[in-house]
Amino acid sequence: MSLFTYRGAALTAFAILSSAFVAQEAAAASARVRIACASDYFAYCREHAPNSPGVRRCMRAAGPKLSKRCINALIGAGEVSEAEVSRRAAQLRD
């Protein structure tokens, strides 16, 4: 096996393992959000399918009413930024 073939195989294996790890991390983050936001989902957005664009829009609209636990999980999963949460909280105070 030539060096280039070995290198290509190694890069391919690395890419496959990396994408599997990223998918696994995304699933874990999604599970954390589902657990943390379950009561918020049932209170405000149960008419939308889980993980749908509709539920994302609904949760954003319900933003000020969401629990701290849910907001922190959404920030941790990258669904919303701390800056956006702070900005929306400031708008509510004005």
PDB file of N, CA and C in Angstrom:
ATOM      1  N   MET A   1       0.867  -1.178   0.000  1.00  0.00           N
ATOM      2  CA  MET A   1       0.000   0.000   0.000  1.00  0.00           C
ATOM      3  C   MET A   1       0.903   1.227   0.000  1.00  0.00           C
ATOM      4  N   SER A   2       0.660   2.137  -0.921  1.00  0.00           N
ATOM      5  CA  SER A   2       1.491   3.339  -0.990  1.00  0.00           C
ATOM      6  C   SER A   2       1.134   4.292   0.139  1.00  0.00           C
ATOM      7  N   LEU A   3       2.023   5.233   0.380  1.00  0.00           N
ATOM      8  CA  LEU A   3       1.818   6.226   1.438  1.00  0.00           C
ATOM      9  C   LEU A   3       0.553   7.037   1.171  1.00  0.00           C
ATOM     10  N   PHE A   4       0.317   7.383  -0.100  1.00  0.00           N
ATOM     11  CA  PHE A   4      -0.861   8.188  -0.437  1.00  0.00           C
ATOM     12  C   PHE A   4      -2.159   7.409  -0.214  1.00  0.00           C
ATOM     13  N   THR A   5      -2.153   6.125  -0.539  1.00  0.00           N
ATOM     14  CA  THR A   5      -3.336   5.302  -0.320  1.00  0.00           C
ATOM     15  C   THR A   5      -3.608   5.152   1.174  1.00  0.00           C
ATOM     16  N   TYR A   6      -2.540   4.911   1.948  1.00  0.00           N
ATOM     17  CA  TYR A   6      -2.676   4.780   3.398  1.00  0.00           C
ATOM     18  C   TYR A   6      -3.189   6.082   4.002  1.00  0.00           C
ATOM     19  N   ARG A   7      -2.616   7.197   3.546  1.00  0.00           N
ATOM     20  CA  ARG A   7      -3.037   8.511   4.060  1.00  0.00           C
ATOM     21  C   ARG A   7      -4.506   8.771   3.724  1.00  0.00           C
ATOM     22  N   GLY A   8      -4.911   8.447   2.508  1.00  0.00           N
ATOM     23  CA  GLY A   8      -6.307   8.645   2.101  1.00  0.00           C
ATOM     24  C   GLY A   8      -7.257   7.792   2.924  1.00  0.00           C
ATOM     25  N   ALA A   9      -6.863   6.548   3.177  1.00  0.00           N
ATOM     26  CA  ALA A   9      -7.699   5.665   3.993  1.00  0.00           C
ATOM     27  C   ALA A   9      -7.798   6.185   5.420  1.00  0.00           C
ATOM     28  N   ALA A  10      -6.691   6.680   5.952  1.00  0.00           N
ATOM     29  CA  ALA A  10      -6.687   7.221   7.314  1.00  0.00           C
ATOM     30  C   ALA A  10      -7.573   8.459   7.401  1.00  0.00           C
ATOM     31  N   LEU A  11      -7.489   9.328   6.401  1.00  0.00           N
ATOM     32  CA  LEU A  11      -8.323  10.532   6.400  1.00  0.00           C
ATOM     33  C   LEU A  11      -9.802  10.183   6.278  1.00  0.00           C
ATOM     34  N   THR A  12     -10.107   9.201   5.466  1.00  0.00           N
ATOM     35  CA  THR A  12     -11.495   8.766   5.318  1.00  0.00           C
ATOM     36  C   THR A  12     -12.028   8.202   6.634  1.00  0.00           C
ATOM     37  N   ALA A  13     -11.226   7.363   7.283  1.00  0.00           N
ATOM     38  CA  ALA A  13     -11.640   6.795   8.573  1.00  0.00           C
ATOM     39  C   ALA A  13     -11.841   7.896   9.606  1.00  0.00           C
ATOM     40  N   PHE A  14     -10.937   8.872   9.625  1.00  0.00           N
ATOM     41  CA  PHE A  14     -11.057   9.984  10.566  1.00  0.00           C
ATOM     42  C   PHE A  14     -12.338  10.769  10.304  1.00  0.00           C
ATOM     43  N   ALA A  15     -12.639  11.024   9.045  1.00  0.00           N
ATOM     44  CA  ALA A  15     -13.848  11.778   8.697  1.00  0.00           C
ATOM     45  C   ALA A  15     -15.106  11.024   9.133  1.00  0.00           C
ATOM     46  N   ILE A  16     -15.123   9.725   8.932  1.00  0.00           N
ATOM     47  CA  ILE A  16     -16.287   8.921   9.325  1.00  0.00           C
ATOM     48  C   ILE A  16     -16.453   8.930  10.840  1.00  0.00           C
ATOM     49  N   LEU A  17     -15.355   8.724  11.567  1.00  0.00           N
ATOM     50  CA  LEU A  17     -15.425   8.725  13.031  1.00  0.00           C
ATOM     51  C   LEU A  17     -15.816  10.092  13.564  1.00  0.00           C
ATOM     52  N   SER A  18     -15.290  11.147  12.951  1.00  0.00           N
ATOM     53  CA  SER A  18     -15.626  12.502  13.395  1.00  0.00           C
ATOM     54  C   SER A  18     -17.101  12.797  13.200  1.00  0.00           C
ATOM     55  N   SER A  19     -17.640  12.429  12.048  1.00  0.00           N
ATOM     56  CA  SER A  19     -19.054  12.706  11.798  1.00  0.00           C
ATOM     57  C   SER A  19     -19.941  11.872  12.723  1.00  0.00           C
ATOM     58  N   ALA A  20     -19.532  10.660  13.049  1.00  0.00           N
ATOM     59  CA  ALA A  20     -20.303   9.841  13.991  1.00  0.00           C
ATOM     60  C   ALA A  20     -20.292  10.473  15.376  1.00  0.00           C
ATOM     61  N   PHE A  21     -19.142  11.000  15.788  1.00  0.00           N
ATOM     62  CA  PHE A  21     -19.036  11.659  17.092  1.00  0.00           C
ATOM     63  C   PHE A  21     -19.919  12.900  17.135  1.00  0.00           C
ATOM     64  N   VAL A  22     -19.894  13.699  16.076  1.00  0.00           N
ATOM     65  CA  VAL A  22     -20.720  14.909  16.021  1.00  0.00           C
ATOM     66  C   VAL A  22     -22.199  14.539  16.086  1.00  0.00           C
ATOM     67  N   ALA A  23     -22.606  13.516  15.362  1.00  0.00           N
ATOM     68  CA  ALA A  23     -24.005  13.079  15.386  1.00  0.00           C
ATOM     69  C   ALA A  23     -24.395  12.595  16.779  1.00  0.00           C
ATOM     70  N   GLN A  24     -23.481  11.881  17.440  1.00  0.00           N
ATOM     71  CA  GLN A  24     -23.752  11.388  18.790  1.00  0.00           C
ATOM     72  C   GLN A  24     -23.889  12.550  19.769  1.00  0.00           C
ATOM     73  N   GLU A  25     -23.021  13.550  19.653  1.00  0.00           N
ATOM     74  CA  GLU A  25     -23.098  14.728  20.516  1.00  0.00           C
ATOM     75  C   GLU A  25     -24.404  15.491  20.281  1.00  0.00           C
ATOM     76  N   ALA A  26     -24.805  15.620  19.021  1.00  0.00           N
ATOM     77  CA  ALA A  26     -26.057  16.319  18.703  1.00  0.00           C
ATOM     78  C   ALA A  26     -27.249  15.576  19.299  1.00  0.00           C
ATOM     79  N   ALA A  27     -27.229  14.254  19.228  1.00  0.00           N
ATOM     80  CA  ALA A  27     -28.321  13.470  19.806  1.00  0.00           C
ATOM     81  C   ALA A  27     -28.366  13.642  21.321  1.00  0.00           C
ATOM     82  N   ALA A  28     -27.200  13.685  21.959  1.00  0.00           N
ATOM     83  CA  ALA A  28     -27.152  13.870  23.416  1.00  0.00           C
ATOM     84  C   ALA A  28     -27.686  15.246  23.792  1.00  0.00           C
ATOM     85  N   ALA A  29     -27.289  16.270  23.027  1.00  0.00           N
ATOM     86  CA  ALA A  29     -27.779  17.628  23.294  1.00  0.00           C
ATOM     87  C   ALA A  29     -29.284  17.689  23.089  1.00  0.00           C
ATOM     88  N   SER A  30     -29.765  17.035  22.049  1.00  0.00           N
ATOM     89  CA  SER A  30     -31.198  17.019  21.768  1.00  0.00           C
ATOM     90  C   SER A  30     -31.960  16.333  22.904  1.00  0.00           C
ATOM     91  N   ALA A  31     -31.411  15.249  23.426  1.00  0.00           N
ATOM     92  CA  ALA A  31     -32.059  14.551  24.541  1.00  0.00           C
ATOM     93  C   ALA A  31     -32.094  15.441  25.780  1.00  0.00           C
ATOM     94  N   ARG A  32     -31.007  16.171  26.038  1.00  0.00           N
ATOM     95  CA  ARG A  32     -30.977  17.083  27.186  1.00  0.00           C
ATOM     96  C   ARG A  32     -32.037  18.169  27.037  1.00  0.00           C
ATOM     97  N   VAL A  33     -32.193  18.695  25.837  1.00  0.00           N
ATOM     98  CA  VAL A  33     -33.205  19.732  25.596  1.00  0.00           C
ATOM     99  C   VAL A  33     -34.603  19.147  25.781  1.00  0.00           C
ATOM    100  N   ARG A  34     -34.845  17.963  25.244  1.00  0.00           N
ATOM    101  CA  ARG A  34     -36.175  17.332  25.390  1.00  0.00           C
ATOM    102  C   ARG A  34     -36.531  17.137  26.861  1.00  0.00           C
ATOM    103  N   ILE A  35     -35.572  16.684  27.644  1.00  0.00           N
ATOM    104  CA  ILE A  35     -35.832  16.455  29.071  1.00  0.00           C
ATOM    105  C   ILE A  35     -36.060  17.779  29.795  1.00  0.00           C
ATOM    106  N   ALA A  36     -35.178  18.742  29.557  1.00  0.00           N
ATOM    107  CA  ALA A  36     -35.258  20.026  30.268  1.00  0.00           C
ATOM    108  C   ALA A  36     -36.479  20.845  29.865  1.00  0.00           C
ATOM    109  N   CYS A  37     -36.928  20.681  28.636  1.00  0.00           N
ATOM    110  CA  CYS A  37     -38.014  21.527  28.123  1.00  0.00           C
ATOM    111  C   CYS A  37     -39.356  20.805  28.012  1.00  0.00           C
ATOM    112  N   ALA A  38     -39.453  19.592  28.517  1.00  0.00           N
ATOM    113  CA  ALA A  38     -40.689  18.813  28.360  1.00  0.00           C
ATOM    114  C   ALA A  38     -41.905  19.549  28.907  1.00  0.00           C
ATOM    115  N   SER A  39     -41.814  20.087  30.114  1.00  0.00           N
ATOM    116  CA  SER A  39     -42.987  20.762  30.690  1.00  0.00           C
ATOM    117  C   SER A  39     -43.323  22.036  29.921  1.00  0.00           C
ATOM    118  N   ASP A  40     -42.295  22.743  29.426  1.00  0.00           N
ATOM    119  CA  ASP A  40     -42.531  23.946  28.620  1.00  0.00           C
ATOM    120  C   ASP A  40     -43.199  23.578  27.295  1.00  0.00           C
ATOM    121  N   TYR A  41     -42.734  22.497  26.688  1.00  0.00           N
ATOM    122  CA  TYR A  41     -43.319  22.029  25.436  1.00  0.00           C
ATOM    123  C   TYR A  41     -44.812  21.732  25.630  1.00  0.00           C
ATOM    124  N   PHE A  42     -45.156  20.969  26.668  1.00  0.00           N
ATOM    125  CA  PHE A  42     -46.560  20.614  26.893  1.00  0.00           C
ATOM    126  C   PHE A  42     -47.399  21.820  27.292  1.00  0.00           C
ATOM    127  N   ALA A  43     -46.797  22.778  27.962  1.00  0.00           N
ATOM    128  CA  ALA A  43     -47.542  23.971  28.380  1.00  0.00           C
ATOM    129  C   ALA A  43     -47.813  24.924  27.221  1.00  0.00           C
ATOM    130  N   TYR A  44     -46.867  25.060  26.286  1.00  0.00           N
ATOM    131  CA  TYR A  44     -46.978  26.108  25.265  1.00  0.00           C
ATOM    132  C   TYR A  44     -47.029  25.614  23.820  1.00  0.00           C
ATOM    133  N   CYS A  45     -46.453  24.462  23.525  1.00  0.00           N
ATOM    134  CA  CYS A  45     -46.246  24.105  22.111  1.00  0.00           C
ATOM    135  C   CYS A  45     -46.660  22.684  21.741  1.00  0.00           C
ATOM    136  N   ARG A  46     -47.491  22.041  22.529  1.00  0.00           N
ATOM    137  CA  ARG A  46     -47.821  20.633  22.280  1.00  0.00           C
ATOM    138  C   ARG A  46     -48.540  20.398  20.951  1.00  0.00           C
ATOM    139  N   GLU A  47     -49.090  21.446  20.354  1.00  0.00           N
ATOM    140  CA  GLU A  47     -49.780  21.257  19.071  1.00  0.00           C
ATOM    141  C   GLU A  47     -48.807  21.070  17.909  1.00  0.00           C
ATOM    142  N   HIS A  48     -47.515  21.256  18.167  1.00  0.00           N
ATOM    143  CA  HIS A  48     -46.484  21.088  17.136  1.00  0.00           C
ATOM    144  C   HIS A  48     -45.732  19.779  17.349  1.00  0.00           C
ATOM    145  N   ALA A  49     -45.314  19.169  16.259  1.00  0.00           N
ATOM    146  CA  ALA A  49     -44.525  17.939  16.353  1.00  0.00           C
ATOM    147  C   ALA A  49     -43.159  18.247  16.968  1.00  0.00           C
ATOM    148  N   PRO A  50     -42.671  17.366  17.833  1.00  0.00           N
ATOM    149  CA  PRO A  50     -41.335  17.577  18.403  1.00  0.00           C
ATOM    150  C   PRO A  50     -40.283  17.690  17.295  1.00  0.00           C
ATOM    151  N   ASN A  51     -39.286  18.519  17.523  1.00  0.00           N
ATOM    152  CA  ASN A  51     -38.173  18.742  16.587  1.00  0.00           C
ATOM    153  C   ASN A  51     -38.605  19.316  15.243  1.00  0.00           C
ATOM    154  N   SER A  52     -39.775  19.895  15.179  1.00  0.00           N
ATOM    155  CA  SER A  52     -40.250  20.475  13.918  1.00  0.00           C
ATOM    156  C   SER A  52     -39.944  21.969  13.884  1.00  0.00           C
ATOM    157  N   PRO A  53     -39.950  22.563  12.697  1.00  0.00           N
ATOM    158  CA  PRO A  53     -39.783  24.020  12.618  1.00  0.00           C
ATOM    159  C   PRO A  53     -40.869  24.754  13.408  1.00  0.00           C
ATOM    160  N   GLY A  54     -42.077  24.189  13.434  1.00  0.00           N
ATOM    161  CA  GLY A  54     -43.176  24.815  14.166  1.00  0.00           C
ATOM    162  C   GLY A  54     -42.912  24.889  15.656  1.00  0.00           C
ATOM    163  N   VAL A  55     -42.369  23.820  16.218  1.00  0.00           N
ATOM    164  CA  VAL A  55     -42.087  23.838  17.656  1.00  0.00           C
ATOM    165  C   VAL A  55     -40.952  24.810  17.965  1.00  0.00           C
ATOM    166  N   ARG A  56     -39.994  24.943  17.055  1.00  0.00           N
ATOM    167  CA  ARG A  56     -38.911  25.917  17.275  1.00  0.00           C
ATOM    168  C   ARG A  56     -39.472  27.342  17.282  1.00  0.00           C
ATOM    169  N   ARG A  57     -40.356  27.633  16.327  1.00  0.00           N
ATOM    170  CA  ARG A  57     -40.982  28.969  16.288  1.00  0.00           C
ATOM    171  C   ARG A  57     -41.813  29.210  17.545  1.00  0.00           C
ATOM    172  N   CYS A  58     -42.565  28.199  17.949  1.00  0.00           N
ATOM    173  CA  CYS A  58     -43.418  28.319  19.127  1.00  0.00           C
ATOM    174  C   CYS A  58     -42.584  28.554  20.381  1.00  0.00           C
ATOM    175  N   MET A  59     -41.501  27.811  20.542  1.00  0.00           N
ATOM    176  CA  MET A  59     -40.653  27.978  21.729  1.00  0.00           C
ATOM    177  C   MET A  59     -40.012  29.365  21.739  1.00  0.00           C
ATOM    178  N   ARG A  60     -39.636  29.866  20.570  1.00  0.00           N
ATOM    179  CA  ARG A  60     -39.084  31.235  20.513  1.00  0.00           C
ATOM    180  C   ARG A  60     -40.146  32.249  20.925  1.00  0.00           C
ATOM    181  N   ALA A  61     -41.364  32.052  20.447  1.00  0.00           N
ATOM    182  CA  ALA A  61     -42.448  32.977  20.802  1.00  0.00           C
ATOM    183  C   ALA A  61     -42.767  32.899  22.298  1.00  0.00           C
ATOM    184  N   ALA A  62     -42.645  31.713  22.868  1.00  0.00           N
ATOM    185  CA  ALA A  62     -42.917  31.528  24.299  1.00  0.00           C
ATOM    186  C   ALA A  62     -41.717  31.916  25.153  1.00  0.00           C
ATOM    187  N   GLY A  63     -40.639  32.299  24.529  1.00  0.00           N
ATOM    188  CA  GLY A  63     -39.366  32.583  25.196  1.00  0.00           C
ATOM    189  C   GLY A  63     -39.431  33.159  26.599  1.00  0.00           C
ATOM    190  N   PRO A  64     -40.116  34.277  26.804  1.00  0.00           N
ATOM    191  CA  PRO A  64     -40.148  34.874  28.147  1.00  0.00           C
ATOM    192  C   PRO A  64     -40.820  33.989  29.199  1.00  0.00           C
ATOM    193  N   LYS A  65     -41.650  33.048  28.746  1.00  0.00           N
ATOM    194  CA  LYS A  65     -42.365  32.179  29.686  1.00  0.00           C
ATOM    195  C   LYS A  65     -41.627  30.871  29.970  1.00  0.00           C
ATOM    196  N   LEU A  66     -40.567  30.585  29.198  1.00  0.00           N
ATOM    197  CA  LEU A  66     -39.861  29.314  29.360  1.00  0.00           C
ATOM    198  C   LEU A  66     -39.130  29.252  30.693  1.00  0.00           C
ATOM    199  N   SER A  67     -39.018  28.038  31.218  1.00  0.00           N
ATOM    200  CA  SER A  67     -38.312  27.838  32.484  1.00  0.00           C
ATOM    201  C   SER A  67     -36.813  28.085  32.304  1.00  0.00           C
ATOM    202  N   LYS A  68     -36.157  28.434  33.397  1.00  0.00           N
ATOM    203  CA  LYS A  68     -34.699  28.642  33.365  1.00  0.00           C
ATOM    204  C   LYS A  68     -33.997  27.368  32.927  1.00  0.00           C
ATOM    205  N   ARG A  69     -34.503  26.235  33.401  1.00  0.00           N
ATOM    206  CA  ARG A  69     -33.897  24.949  33.042  1.00  0.00           C
ATOM    207  C   ARG A  69     -33.928  24.749  31.529  1.00  0.00           C
ATOM    208  N   CYS A  70     -35.056  25.043  30.919  1.00  0.00           N
ATOM    209  CA  CYS A  70     -35.201  24.895  29.472  1.00  0.00           C
ATOM    210  C   CYS A  70     -34.291  25.878  28.741  1.00  0.00           C
ATOM    211  N   ILE A  71     -34.294  27.127  29.170  1.00  0.00           N
ATOM    212  CA  ILE A  71     -33.455  28.142  28.523  1.00  0.00           C
ATOM    213  C   ILE A  71     -31.988  27.736  28.589  1.00  0.00           C
ATOM    214  N   ASN A  72     -31.536  27.274  29.741  1.00  0.00           N
ATOM    215  CA  ASN A  72     -30.138  26.858  29.875  1.00  0.00           C
ATOM    216  C   ASN A  72     -29.810  25.676  28.972  1.00  0.00           C
ATOM    217  N   ALA A  73     -30.739  24.735  28.826  1.00  0.00           N
ATOM    218  CA  ALA A  73     -30.525  23.598  27.928  1.00  0.00           C
ATOM    219  C   ALA A  73     -30.467  24.057  26.476  1.00  0.00           C
ATOM    220  N   LEU A  74     -31.335  25.006  26.104  1.00  0.00           N
ATOM    221  CA  LEU A  74     -31.328  25.532  24.734  1.00  0.00           C
ATOM    222  C   LEU A  74     -30.030  26.273  24.437  1.00  0.00           C
ATOM    223  N   ILE A  75     -29.524  27.013  25.414  1.00  0.00           N
ATOM    224  CA  ILE A  75     -28.236  27.698  25.241  1.00  0.00           C
ATOM    225  C   ILE A  75     -27.133  26.660  25.082  1.00  0.00           C
ATOM    226  N   GLY A  76     -27.129  25.653  25.942  1.00  0.00           N
ATOM    227  CA  GLY A  76     -26.110  24.604  25.884  1.00  0.00           C
ATOM    228  C   GLY A  76     -26.105  23.843  24.575  1.00  0.00           C
ATOM    229  N   ALA A  77     -27.267  23.677  23.973  1.00  0.00           N
ATOM    230  CA  ALA A  77     -27.381  22.953  22.704  1.00  0.00           C
ATOM    231  C   ALA A  77     -27.129  23.847  21.497  1.00  0.00           C
ATOM    232  N   GLY A  78     -26.957  25.149  21.732  1.00  0.00           N
ATOM    233  CA  GLY A  78     -26.726  26.066  20.620  1.00  0.00           C
ATOM    234  C   GLY A  78     -27.989  26.466  19.884  1.00  0.00           C
ATOM    235  N   GLU A  79     -29.146  26.165  20.445  1.00  0.00           N
ATOM    236  CA  GLU A  79     -30.416  26.539  19.808  1.00  0.00           C
ATOM    237  C   GLU A  79     -30.689  28.028  19.945  1.00  0.00           C
ATOM    238  N   VAL A  80     -30.138  28.634  20.993  1.00  0.00           N
ATOM    239  CA  VAL A  80     -30.301  30.059  21.251  1.00  0.00           C
ATOM    240  C   VAL A  80     -29.017  30.534  21.930  1.00  0.00           C
ATOM    241  N   SER A  81     -28.647  31.778  21.702  1.00  0.00           N
ATOM    242  CA  SER A  81     -27.417  32.297  22.312  1.00  0.00           C
ATOM    243  C   SER A  81     -27.730  33.038  23.607  1.00  0.00           C
ATOM    244  N   GLU A  82     -26.727  33.121  24.469  1.00  0.00           N
ATOM    245  CA  GLU A  82     -26.892  33.893  25.703  1.00  0.00           C
ATOM    246  C   GLU A  82     -27.184  35.349  25.372  1.00  0.00           C
ATOM    247  N   ALA A  83     -26.570  35.853  24.298  1.00  0.00           N
ATOM    248  CA  ALA A  83     -26.796  37.243  23.893  1.00  0.00           C
ATOM    249  C   ALA A  83     -28.261  37.470  23.531  1.00  0.00           C
ATOM    250  N   GLU A  84     -28.858  36.530  22.816  1.00  0.00           N
ATOM    251  CA  GLU A  84     -30.273  36.670  22.448  1.00  0.00           C
ATOM    252  C   GLU A  84     -31.162  36.639  23.689  1.00  0.00           C
ATOM    253  N   VAL A  85     -30.856  35.742  24.624  1.00  0.00           N
ATOM    254  CA  VAL A  85     -31.641  35.658  25.860  1.00  0.00           C
ATOM    255  C   VAL A  85     -31.538  36.970  26.628  1.00  0.00           C
ATOM    256  N   SER A  86     -30.329  37.511  26.735  1.00  0.00           N
ATOM    257  CA  SER A  86     -30.127  38.782  27.446  1.00  0.00           C
ATOM    258  C   SER A  86     -30.855  39.924  26.748  1.00  0.00           C
ATOM    259  N   ARG A  87     -30.778  39.947  25.426  1.00  0.00           N
ATOM    260  CA  ARG A  87     -31.434  41.004  24.649  1.00  0.00           C
ATOM    261  C   ARG A  87     -32.951  40.957  24.843  1.00  0.00           C
ATOM    262  N   ARG A  88     -33.525  39.768  24.795  1.00  0.00           N
ATOM    263  CA  ARG A  88     -34.977  39.639  24.968  1.00  0.00           C
ATOM    264  C   ARG A  88     -35.400  39.989  26.392  1.00  0.00           C
ATOM    265  N   ALA A  89     -34.575  39.636  27.368  1.00  0.00           N
ATOM    266  CA  ALA A  89     -34.889  39.979  28.759  1.00  0.00           C
ATOM    267  C   ALA A  89     -34.856  41.490  28.949  1.00  0.00           C
ATOM    268  N   ALA A  90     -33.893  42.154  28.311  1.00  0.00           N
ATOM    269  CA  ALA A  90     -33.800  43.618  28.407  1.00  0.00           C
ATOM    270  C   ALA A  90     -35.006  44.277  27.755  1.00  0.00           C
ATOM    271  N   GLN A  91     -35.480  43.731  26.649  1.00  0.00           N
ATOM    272  CA  GLN A  91     -36.658  44.283  25.976  1.00  0.00           C
ATOM    273  C   GLN A  91     -37.892  44.178  26.864  1.00  0.00           C
ATOM    274  N   LEU A  92     -37.978  43.114  27.628  1.00  0.00           N
ATOM    275  CA  LEU A  92     -39.129  42.941  28.521  1.00  0.00           C
ATOM    276  C   LEU A  92     -39.096  43.933  29.677  1.00  0.00           C
ATOM    277  N   ARG A  93     -37.895  44.312  30.103  1.00  0.00           N
ATOM    278  CA  ARG A  93     -37.774  45.265  31.206  1.00  0.00           C
ATOM    279  C   ARG A  93     -38.104  46.684  30.771  1.00  0.00           C
ATOM    280  N   ASP A  94     -37.902  46.983  29.492  1.00  0.00           N
ATOM    281  CA  ASP A  94     -38.143  48.356  28.988  1.00  0.00           C
ATOM    282  C   ASP A  94     -39.599  48.694  28.888  1.00  0.00           C
TER     283      ASP A  94
END
